[in-house]
Every structure is written in structure tokens, then in C-alpha cells.
């Protein structure tokens, strides 16, 4: 049995993109994101983060630092009655200065690898799923995976979703 999911890009959709955010002290929620996540939690849709994390490949921070940030995010969301069901990330970047991460990955958006893997591992119906991203690469990844992509370029992601995303679900 498959079910739809809400896919979210991280930087620019969940948190304000201050550039390679990897410490909780530098994390700032995009207005409305907690409400959006809670809403989809209430619909019993898995909420899945799909995020390119080239800062790892560039040597700006480690995978451990990224995981620590995501753990802090999960804990903070739980205190606010919200949850992320999974976080998929791609640390790879062709030509990266950190040799271990210098490769062309099928997971790096605009490629759909993270969405396809989430669908396999979590039993998700990509055709019924949506992705909210702040870049064209996010929308392309959604389209190639067979999901609907919505480009968020606003201030409040909950207001955006109520106006653009939720009407598409009815």
C-alpha cells in the first residue's frame, strides 16, 4: 500500500537560507513551516526532507555536524507538536574539494534519486506526492520523479501552501 508524501527542501523552505547552515545556533525557521508540517502530520502524510548538502563536499562542515543539526531540528519540532518522518541528504558534488565527496550522484537534485529512494523505502506514491522547494532544481527533481513540485519564493510557507498547494489536493 502506498501513500502520498510532502517532500520539503531544507534551506530556503524549512530554514532561512543564510548559506551553508550547519549549526543550530544559526538555524532560523522560515515563517509558517511548523504550521505546514503539523498540517500534513495531521493528514497522516509522511513529511520528508530532501536536501542537497554540498557544504559537506566543500569542507565547510561534516556529516556529523549536519546530523546534529537535524537531531536538534527534530527535537525542536517535537516540542511544537510536529515531526519529520525522514531526512534524505546528498553530500556529493562533482569537482568537490573533499575527495571523498567528489562524484556525480543520482541523489543530487535536480536528479530525482532522493525522492525515488524515499518512495521505495517508505512505500510512497510519488504521483500523489508534492514537493515544495525554493529552486528550479527542486521542481525538476519532483517532475522527473513523477511528483508535483511547487516553487516557494515567498516569506511565509504556510500562507503559500494554503493558497497554492492545498487547493491542488482537493
N, C-alpha and C. Protein backbone atom coordinates (compact mmCIF):
# COMPACT_ATOMS: atom_id res chain seq x y z
N UNK A 1 0.84 -1.20 0.00
CA UNK A 1 0.00 0.00 0.00
C UNK A 1 0.88 1.25 0.00
N UNK A 2 0.62 2.15 -0.90
CA UNK A 2 1.40 3.37 -0.98
C UNK A 2 0.55 4.56 -0.52
N UNK A 3 1.24 5.60 -0.15
CA UNK A 3 0.56 6.82 0.32
C UNK A 3 1.33 8.04 -0.15
N UNK A 4 0.65 9.17 -0.23
CA UNK A 4 1.35 10.38 -0.67
C UNK A 4 2.23 10.93 0.45
N UNK A 5 3.19 11.73 0.05
CA UNK A 5 4.09 12.39 1.00
C UNK A 5 4.25 13.86 0.64
N UNK A 6 4.62 14.63 1.64
CA UNK A 6 5.04 16.01 1.44
C UNK A 6 6.56 16.00 1.51
N UNK A 7 7.21 16.34 0.40
CA UNK A 7 8.66 16.49 0.35
C UNK A 7 8.98 17.96 0.52
N UNK A 8 10.00 18.24 1.32
CA UNK A 8 10.43 19.62 1.55
C UNK A 8 11.93 19.73 1.31
N UNK A 9 12.32 20.74 0.55
CA UNK A 9 13.72 21.12 0.52
C UNK A 9 14.01 21.74 1.88
N UNK A 10 15.26 21.74 2.31
CA UNK A 10 15.56 22.28 3.63
C UNK A 10 15.86 23.79 3.58
N UNK A 11 17.03 24.14 3.06
CA UNK A 11 17.46 25.54 3.08
C UNK A 11 16.59 26.37 2.14
N UNK A 12 15.89 27.34 2.71
CA UNK A 12 15.01 28.21 1.94
C UNK A 12 13.55 27.84 2.07
N UNK A 13 13.25 26.65 2.60
CA UNK A 13 11.86 26.22 2.80
C UNK A 13 11.60 25.92 4.28
N UNK A 14 12.49 25.15 4.90
CA UNK A 14 12.35 24.87 6.33
C UNK A 14 13.07 25.95 7.13
N UNK A 15 14.28 26.25 6.73
CA UNK A 15 15.05 27.30 7.41
C UNK A 15 15.44 28.39 6.43
N UNK A 16 15.60 29.58 6.97
CA UNK A 16 16.08 30.70 6.16
C UNK A 16 17.48 30.33 5.68
N UNK A 17 17.72 30.51 4.40
CA UNK A 17 18.99 30.12 3.81
C UNK A 17 20.02 31.22 4.04
N UNK A 18 20.80 31.06 5.11
CA UNK A 18 21.87 32.01 5.41
C UNK A 18 23.19 31.55 4.79
N UNK A 19 23.14 30.47 4.02
CA UNK A 19 24.35 29.95 3.37
C UNK A 19 25.02 28.89 4.21
N UNK A 20 24.86 27.64 3.82
CA UNK A 20 25.52 26.50 4.45
C UNK A 20 25.25 26.42 5.95
N UNK A 21 24.02 26.54 6.32
CA UNK A 21 23.62 26.44 7.74
C UNK A 21 23.90 25.03 8.23
N UNK A 22 24.68 24.93 9.31
CA UNK A 22 25.01 23.62 9.86
C UNK A 22 25.08 23.60 11.39
N UNK A 23 24.79 24.72 12.01
CA UNK A 23 24.77 24.79 13.48
C UNK A 23 23.39 25.26 13.93
N UNK A 24 22.87 24.66 14.99
CA UNK A 24 21.55 25.02 15.49
C UNK A 24 21.48 26.50 15.85
N UNK A 25 22.58 27.06 16.33
CA UNK A 25 22.59 28.49 16.70
C UNK A 25 22.32 29.39 15.50
N UNK A 26 22.60 28.91 14.30
CA UNK A 26 22.40 29.70 13.09
C UNK A 26 21.10 29.38 12.38
N UNK A 27 20.35 28.44 12.93
CA UNK A 27 19.12 27.96 12.30
C UNK A 27 17.98 28.92 12.61
N UNK A 28 17.24 29.31 11.58
CA UNK A 28 16.07 30.19 11.72
C UNK A 28 14.96 29.64 10.84
N UNK A 29 13.83 29.31 11.47
CA UNK A 29 12.71 28.77 10.70
C UNK A 29 12.18 29.77 9.68
N UNK A 30 11.81 29.27 8.51
CA UNK A 30 11.02 30.06 7.57
C UNK A 30 9.64 30.22 8.20
N UNK A 31 9.09 31.41 8.24
CA UNK A 31 7.77 31.59 8.84
C UNK A 31 6.74 30.64 8.23
N UNK A 32 5.94 30.03 9.10
CA UNK A 32 4.86 29.16 8.68
C UNK A 32 5.23 27.70 8.49
N UNK A 33 6.52 27.35 8.57
CA UNK A 33 6.91 25.97 8.28
C UNK A 33 6.40 25.00 9.33
N UNK A 34 6.42 25.38 10.59
CA UNK A 34 5.95 24.45 11.63
C UNK A 34 4.46 24.17 11.44
N UNK A 35 3.69 25.19 11.12
CA UNK A 35 2.25 25.01 10.85
C UNK A 35 2.04 24.08 9.66
N UNK A 36 2.83 24.26 8.61
CA UNK A 36 2.71 23.42 7.42
C UNK A 36 3.01 21.96 7.76
N UNK A 37 4.09 21.72 8.47
CA UNK A 37 4.46 20.35 8.85
C UNK A 37 3.38 19.73 9.72
N UNK A 38 2.89 20.48 10.71
CA UNK A 38 1.81 19.97 11.59
C UNK A 38 0.56 19.62 10.79
N UNK A 39 0.24 20.46 9.81
CA UNK A 39 -0.95 20.21 8.99
C UNK A 39 -0.82 18.87 8.26
N UNK A 40 0.31 18.64 7.63
CA UNK A 40 0.49 17.38 6.90
C UNK A 40 0.65 16.19 7.84
N UNK A 41 1.23 16.41 9.02
CA UNK A 41 1.24 15.35 10.03
C UNK A 41 -0.20 14.95 10.36
N UNK A 42 -1.08 15.94 10.48
CA UNK A 42 -2.48 15.68 10.79
C UNK A 42 -3.22 14.96 9.68
N UNK A 43 -2.76 15.13 8.44
CA UNK A 43 -3.35 14.41 7.30
C UNK A 43 -2.80 12.99 7.20
N UNK A 44 -1.85 12.66 8.06
CA UNK A 44 -1.15 11.37 8.05
C UNK A 44 -0.30 11.18 6.80
N UNK A 45 0.18 12.29 6.25
CA UNK A 45 1.14 12.24 5.15
C UNK A 45 2.54 12.23 5.75
N UNK A 46 3.42 11.35 5.33
CA UNK A 46 4.81 11.47 5.75
C UNK A 46 5.38 12.81 5.26
N UNK A 47 6.16 13.44 6.11
CA UNK A 47 6.86 14.68 5.74
C UNK A 47 8.33 14.31 5.63
N UNK A 48 8.89 14.50 4.43
CA UNK A 48 10.22 14.00 4.10
C UNK A 48 11.08 15.16 3.59
N UNK A 49 12.23 15.34 4.20
CA UNK A 49 13.18 16.36 3.74
C UNK A 49 14.09 15.72 2.69
N UNK A 50 14.28 16.44 1.59
CA UNK A 50 15.24 16.04 0.55
C UNK A 50 16.14 17.25 0.31
N UNK A 51 17.40 17.12 0.70
CA UNK A 51 18.27 18.30 0.71
C UNK A 51 19.66 18.01 0.15
N UNK A 52 20.09 18.82 -0.80
CA UNK A 52 21.48 18.80 -1.23
C UNK A 52 22.29 19.45 -0.11
N UNK A 53 23.39 18.84 0.25
CA UNK A 53 24.25 19.40 1.30
C UNK A 53 25.69 19.46 0.80
N UNK A 54 25.90 20.30 -0.20
CA UNK A 54 27.23 20.40 -0.80
C UNK A 54 28.24 21.05 0.13
N UNK A 55 27.80 21.66 1.21
CA UNK A 55 28.73 22.22 2.19
C UNK A 55 29.64 21.14 2.77
N UNK A 56 29.15 19.91 2.81
CA UNK A 56 29.97 18.79 3.27
C UNK A 56 31.08 18.54 2.26
N UNK A 57 30.73 18.48 0.99
CA UNK A 57 31.71 18.24 -0.08
C UNK A 57 32.70 19.39 -0.21
N UNK A 58 32.27 20.56 0.17
CA UNK A 58 33.15 21.74 0.09
C UNK A 58 34.05 21.87 1.33
N UNK A 59 33.81 21.02 2.34
CA UNK A 59 34.62 21.05 3.55
C UNK A 59 34.20 22.10 4.56
N UNK A 60 33.00 22.66 4.41
CA UNK A 60 32.53 23.70 5.33
C UNK A 60 32.05 23.11 6.65
N UNK A 61 31.55 21.88 6.62
CA UNK A 61 31.09 21.18 7.81
C UNK A 61 31.05 19.69 7.52
N UNK A 62 30.89 18.91 8.55
CA UNK A 62 30.93 17.45 8.42
C UNK A 62 29.52 16.86 8.39
N UNK A 63 29.45 15.60 8.00
CA UNK A 63 28.16 14.89 8.07
C UNK A 63 27.68 14.85 9.51
N UNK A 64 28.59 14.67 10.45
CA UNK A 64 28.21 14.62 11.87
C UNK A 64 27.57 15.93 12.30
N UNK A 65 28.12 17.06 11.87
CA UNK A 65 27.53 18.35 12.20
C UNK A 65 26.14 18.49 11.58
N UNK A 66 25.98 18.02 10.35
CA UNK A 66 24.67 18.08 9.71
C UNK A 66 23.66 17.21 10.47
N UNK A 67 24.08 16.00 10.84
CA UNK A 67 23.18 15.11 11.60
C UNK A 67 22.81 15.73 12.95
N UNK A 68 23.75 16.38 13.59
CA UNK A 68 23.46 17.05 14.87
C UNK A 68 22.42 18.15 14.67
N UNK A 69 22.54 18.91 13.59
CA UNK A 69 21.55 19.95 13.29
C UNK A 69 20.18 19.32 13.07
N UNK A 70 20.13 18.24 12.32
CA UNK A 70 18.84 17.59 12.06
C UNK A 70 18.24 17.00 13.33
N UNK A 71 19.07 16.49 14.23
CA UNK A 71 18.57 15.99 15.51
C UNK A 71 17.98 17.13 16.34
N UNK A 72 18.66 18.26 16.35
CA UNK A 72 18.14 19.43 17.08
C UNK A 72 16.83 19.90 16.45
N UNK A 73 16.75 19.88 15.13
CA UNK A 73 15.53 20.26 14.43
C UNK A 73 14.38 19.33 14.81
N UNK A 74 14.63 18.02 14.78
CA UNK A 74 13.59 17.05 15.14
C UNK A 74 13.11 17.27 16.58
N UNK A 75 14.03 17.51 17.49
CA UNK A 75 13.67 17.73 18.89
C UNK A 75 12.85 19.00 19.05
N UNK A 76 13.25 20.06 18.36
CA UNK A 76 12.52 21.32 18.46
C UNK A 76 11.13 21.20 17.85
N UNK A 77 11.02 20.53 16.70
CA UNK A 77 9.71 20.32 16.09
C UNK A 77 8.81 19.50 17.02
N UNK A 78 9.36 18.48 17.65
CA UNK A 78 8.56 17.64 18.56
C UNK A 78 7.99 18.48 19.70
N UNK A 79 8.76 19.42 20.20
CA UNK A 79 8.27 20.31 21.26
C UNK A 79 7.11 21.18 20.78
N UNK A 80 7.04 21.37 19.45
CA UNK A 80 5.98 22.19 18.87
C UNK A 80 4.87 21.34 18.25
N UNK A 81 4.89 20.04 18.52
CA UNK A 81 3.84 19.16 18.04
C UNK A 81 3.92 18.83 16.56
N UNK A 82 5.14 18.79 16.01
CA UNK A 82 5.34 18.49 14.60
C UNK A 82 6.48 17.48 14.47
N UNK A 83 6.54 16.81 13.32
CA UNK A 83 7.62 15.85 13.11
C UNK A 83 7.97 15.72 11.63
N UNK A 84 9.22 15.41 11.40
CA UNK A 84 9.69 14.99 10.09
C UNK A 84 9.80 13.48 10.13
N UNK A 85 9.29 12.81 9.11
CA UNK A 85 9.32 11.35 9.10
C UNK A 85 10.63 10.80 8.56
N UNK A 86 11.34 11.57 7.76
CA UNK A 86 12.64 11.14 7.24
C UNK A 86 13.38 12.34 6.69
N UNK A 87 14.70 12.22 6.70
CA UNK A 87 15.57 13.22 6.09
C UNK A 87 16.52 12.49 5.16
N UNK A 88 16.48 12.85 3.89
CA UNK A 88 17.40 12.33 2.88
C UNK A 88 18.30 13.49 2.48
N UNK A 89 19.59 13.20 2.37
CA UNK A 89 20.53 14.27 2.01
C UNK A 89 21.53 13.74 1.00
N UNK A 90 22.06 14.66 0.21
CA UNK A 90 23.10 14.32 -0.75
C UNK A 90 24.31 15.22 -0.49
N UNK A 91 25.41 14.63 0.01
CA UNK A 91 26.60 15.42 0.29
C UNK A 91 27.56 15.52 -0.90
N UNK A 92 27.22 14.89 -2.02
CA UNK A 92 28.16 14.76 -3.13
C UNK A 92 28.08 15.94 -4.10
N UNK A 93 29.23 16.26 -4.68
CA UNK A 93 29.33 17.36 -5.63
C UNK A 93 30.50 17.07 -6.56
N UNK A 94 30.20 16.97 -7.85
CA UNK A 94 31.27 16.73 -8.83
C UNK A 94 32.25 17.90 -8.78
N UNK A 95 33.54 17.55 -8.66
CA UNK A 95 34.58 18.57 -8.58
C UNK A 95 34.80 19.12 -7.18
N UNK A 96 34.23 18.46 -6.17
CA UNK A 96 34.33 18.94 -4.79
C UNK A 96 35.77 18.92 -4.29
N UNK A 97 36.12 19.87 -3.43
CA UNK A 97 37.47 19.87 -2.86
C UNK A 97 37.73 18.72 -1.89
N UNK A 98 36.69 18.15 -1.26
CA UNK A 98 36.86 17.00 -0.38
C UNK A 98 36.71 15.75 -1.25
N UNK A 99 37.82 15.06 -1.47
CA UNK A 99 37.87 13.96 -2.45
C UNK A 99 36.81 12.89 -2.19
N UNK A 100 36.52 12.58 -0.95
CA UNK A 100 35.55 11.53 -0.63
C UNK A 100 34.15 11.85 -1.14
N UNK A 101 33.87 13.12 -1.40
CA UNK A 101 32.54 13.55 -1.84
C UNK A 101 32.54 14.05 -3.29
N UNK A 102 33.65 13.87 -3.98
CA UNK A 102 33.78 14.32 -5.36
C UNK A 102 33.23 13.25 -6.30
N UNK A 103 31.93 13.34 -6.56
CA UNK A 103 31.33 12.42 -7.52
C UNK A 103 29.99 12.94 -7.99
N UNK A 104 29.60 12.42 -9.11
CA UNK A 104 28.31 12.75 -9.70
C UNK A 104 27.30 11.77 -9.10
N UNK A 105 26.35 12.24 -8.32
CA UNK A 105 25.42 11.37 -7.61
C UNK A 105 24.01 11.45 -8.20
N UNK A 106 23.32 10.31 -8.29
CA UNK A 106 21.93 10.32 -8.75
C UNK A 106 20.99 10.95 -7.71
N UNK A 107 21.51 11.21 -6.51
CA UNK A 107 20.69 11.83 -5.47
C UNK A 107 20.74 13.35 -5.51
N UNK A 108 21.73 13.92 -6.15
CA UNK A 108 21.87 15.38 -6.14
C UNK A 108 20.82 16.01 -7.05
N UNK A 109 19.93 16.79 -6.43
CA UNK A 109 18.91 17.48 -7.21
C UNK A 109 19.61 18.41 -8.21
N UNK A 110 19.18 18.45 -9.43
CA UNK A 110 17.84 18.16 -9.94
C UNK A 110 17.56 16.70 -10.27
N UNK A 111 18.49 15.80 -10.00
CA UNK A 111 18.20 14.38 -10.22
C UNK A 111 17.23 13.90 -9.13
N UNK A 112 16.44 12.90 -9.42
CA UNK A 112 15.36 12.51 -8.51
C UNK A 112 15.71 11.42 -7.50
N UNK A 113 16.98 11.07 -7.37
CA UNK A 113 17.36 9.91 -6.56
C UNK A 113 16.82 9.89 -5.14
N UNK A 114 16.86 11.00 -4.44
CA UNK A 114 16.38 11.01 -3.05
C UNK A 114 14.89 10.72 -2.98
N UNK A 115 14.13 11.28 -3.91
CA UNK A 115 12.68 11.04 -3.92
C UNK A 115 12.37 9.59 -4.27
N UNK A 116 13.09 9.06 -5.25
CA UNK A 116 12.86 7.67 -5.66
C UNK A 116 13.21 6.70 -4.53
N UNK A 117 14.31 6.97 -3.84
CA UNK A 117 14.71 6.11 -2.72
C UNK A 117 13.70 6.20 -1.58
N UNK A 118 13.24 7.39 -1.28
CA UNK A 118 12.22 7.56 -0.23
C UNK A 118 10.96 6.79 -0.59
N UNK A 119 10.56 6.86 -1.85
CA UNK A 119 9.36 6.16 -2.29
C UNK A 119 9.51 4.66 -2.10
N UNK A 120 10.67 4.12 -2.47
CA UNK A 120 10.92 2.68 -2.31
C UNK A 120 10.94 2.29 -0.83
N UNK A 121 11.70 3.03 -0.05
CA UNK A 121 11.91 2.67 1.35
C UNK A 121 10.69 2.91 2.22
N UNK A 122 9.86 3.90 1.87
CA UNK A 122 8.74 4.29 2.72
C UNK A 122 7.38 3.92 2.13
N UNK A 123 7.35 3.33 0.96
CA UNK A 123 6.09 2.96 0.32
C UNK A 123 5.25 4.16 -0.06
N UNK A 124 5.87 5.10 -0.76
CA UNK A 124 5.20 6.35 -1.11
C UNK A 124 4.70 6.34 -2.55
N UNK A 125 3.59 6.99 -2.76
CA UNK A 125 3.00 7.18 -4.08
C UNK A 125 3.48 8.53 -4.61
N UNK A 126 4.48 8.50 -5.46
CA UNK A 126 5.05 9.76 -5.96
C UNK A 126 4.05 10.56 -6.78
N UNK A 127 3.19 9.90 -7.54
CA UNK A 127 2.22 10.62 -8.37
C UNK A 127 1.23 11.42 -7.53
N UNK A 128 1.01 11.01 -6.29
CA UNK A 128 0.10 11.73 -5.40
C UNK A 128 0.85 12.65 -4.44
N UNK A 129 2.17 12.65 -4.51
CA UNK A 129 3.00 13.42 -3.58
C UNK A 129 3.31 14.80 -4.13
N UNK A 130 3.72 15.67 -3.23
CA UNK A 130 4.12 17.03 -3.62
C UNK A 130 5.47 17.36 -3.00
N UNK A 131 6.15 18.27 -3.65
CA UNK A 131 7.42 18.78 -3.14
C UNK A 131 7.34 20.30 -3.15
N UNK A 132 7.78 20.90 -2.06
CA UNK A 132 7.91 22.36 -2.01
C UNK A 132 9.41 22.65 -1.93
N UNK A 133 9.88 23.41 -2.90
CA UNK A 133 11.29 23.79 -2.96
C UNK A 133 11.43 25.25 -3.31
N UNK A 134 12.63 25.75 -3.13
CA UNK A 134 12.86 27.17 -3.43
C UNK A 134 13.73 27.38 -4.66
N UNK A 135 14.05 26.29 -5.36
CA UNK A 135 14.87 26.42 -6.55
C UNK A 135 14.35 25.56 -7.67
N UNK A 136 14.72 25.93 -8.87
CA UNK A 136 14.28 25.18 -10.05
C UNK A 136 14.75 23.73 -9.98
N UNK A 137 15.93 23.48 -9.39
CA UNK A 137 16.43 22.10 -9.28
C UNK A 137 15.48 21.23 -8.46
N UNK A 138 14.81 21.81 -7.48
CA UNK A 138 13.84 21.07 -6.66
C UNK A 138 12.64 20.66 -7.52
N UNK A 139 12.16 21.60 -8.30
CA UNK A 139 10.97 21.36 -9.12
C UNK A 139 11.27 20.32 -10.19
N UNK A 140 12.44 20.41 -10.79
CA UNK A 140 12.83 19.43 -11.80
C UNK A 140 12.91 18.03 -11.18
N UNK A 141 13.52 17.92 -10.01
CA UNK A 141 13.61 16.61 -9.34
C UNK A 141 12.22 16.04 -9.09
N UNK A 142 11.29 16.88 -8.64
CA UNK A 142 9.92 16.41 -8.40
C UNK A 142 9.30 15.93 -9.70
N UNK A 143 9.42 16.71 -10.74
CA UNK A 143 8.80 16.35 -12.03
C UNK A 143 9.38 15.05 -12.58
N UNK A 144 10.69 14.91 -12.53
CA UNK A 144 11.32 13.70 -13.05
C UNK A 144 10.90 12.48 -12.24
N UNK A 145 10.69 12.66 -10.94
CA UNK A 145 10.25 11.56 -10.07
C UNK A 145 8.76 11.26 -10.23
N UNK A 146 8.03 12.16 -10.87
CA UNK A 146 6.60 11.96 -11.06
C UNK A 146 5.73 12.62 -10.01
N UNK A 147 6.32 13.47 -9.17
CA UNK A 147 5.58 14.20 -8.15
C UNK A 147 5.28 15.61 -8.66
N UNK A 148 4.42 16.30 -7.95
CA UNK A 148 4.12 17.70 -8.27
C UNK A 148 5.03 18.60 -7.47
N UNK A 149 5.66 19.55 -8.16
CA UNK A 149 6.57 20.47 -7.50
C UNK A 149 6.00 21.87 -7.44
N UNK A 150 6.23 22.53 -6.31
CA UNK A 150 5.77 23.91 -6.11
C UNK A 150 6.96 24.76 -5.71
N UNK A 151 7.15 25.84 -6.45
CA UNK A 151 8.28 26.74 -6.23
C UNK A 151 7.89 27.82 -5.23
N UNK A 152 8.52 27.78 -4.06
CA UNK A 152 8.26 28.75 -2.99
C UNK A 152 9.31 29.85 -3.06
N UNK A 153 8.84 31.07 -3.26
CA UNK A 153 9.74 32.23 -3.29
C UNK A 153 9.20 33.34 -2.41
N UNK A 154 8.39 32.97 -1.45
CA UNK A 154 7.74 33.97 -0.62
C UNK A 154 8.38 34.13 0.73
N UNK A 155 7.55 34.62 1.67
CA UNK A 155 8.00 34.87 3.03
C UNK A 155 7.45 33.82 3.98
N UNK A 156 6.17 33.49 3.85
CA UNK A 156 5.51 32.57 4.77
C UNK A 156 5.08 31.32 4.00
N UNK A 157 5.69 30.20 4.32
CA UNK A 157 5.44 28.98 3.55
C UNK A 157 4.05 28.40 3.83
N UNK A 158 3.49 28.64 5.02
CA UNK A 158 2.13 28.17 5.31
C UNK A 158 1.11 28.95 4.48
N UNK A 159 1.28 30.26 4.39
CA UNK A 159 0.39 31.07 3.55
C UNK A 159 0.50 30.62 2.09
N UNK A 160 1.72 30.37 1.62
CA UNK A 160 1.95 29.89 0.26
C UNK A 160 1.22 28.57 0.04
N UNK A 161 1.38 27.64 0.97
CA UNK A 161 0.76 26.31 0.82
C UNK A 161 -0.76 26.39 0.82
N UNK A 162 -1.32 27.24 1.67
CA UNK A 162 -2.79 27.37 1.70
C UNK A 162 -3.31 27.94 0.39
N UNK A 163 -2.56 28.83 -0.22
CA UNK A 163 -3.00 29.46 -1.47
C UNK A 163 -2.72 28.60 -2.70
N UNK A 164 -1.56 27.90 -2.72
CA UNK A 164 -1.14 27.22 -3.95
C UNK A 164 -1.17 25.69 -3.87
N UNK A 165 -0.82 25.13 -2.73
CA UNK A 165 -0.65 23.67 -2.64
C UNK A 165 -1.94 22.98 -2.22
N UNK A 166 -2.53 23.41 -1.13
CA UNK A 166 -3.71 22.72 -0.61
C UNK A 166 -4.87 22.67 -1.60
N UNK A 167 -5.14 23.72 -2.36
CA UNK A 167 -6.21 23.62 -3.36
C UNK A 167 -5.97 22.52 -4.39
N UNK A 168 -4.71 22.19 -4.66
CA UNK A 168 -4.36 21.13 -5.61
C UNK A 168 -4.68 19.74 -5.07
N UNK A 169 -4.84 19.63 -3.76
CA UNK A 169 -5.04 18.32 -3.13
C UNK A 169 -6.50 17.92 -3.08
N UNK A 170 -7.39 18.85 -3.35
CA UNK A 170 -8.83 18.53 -3.24
C UNK A 170 -9.39 18.06 -4.56
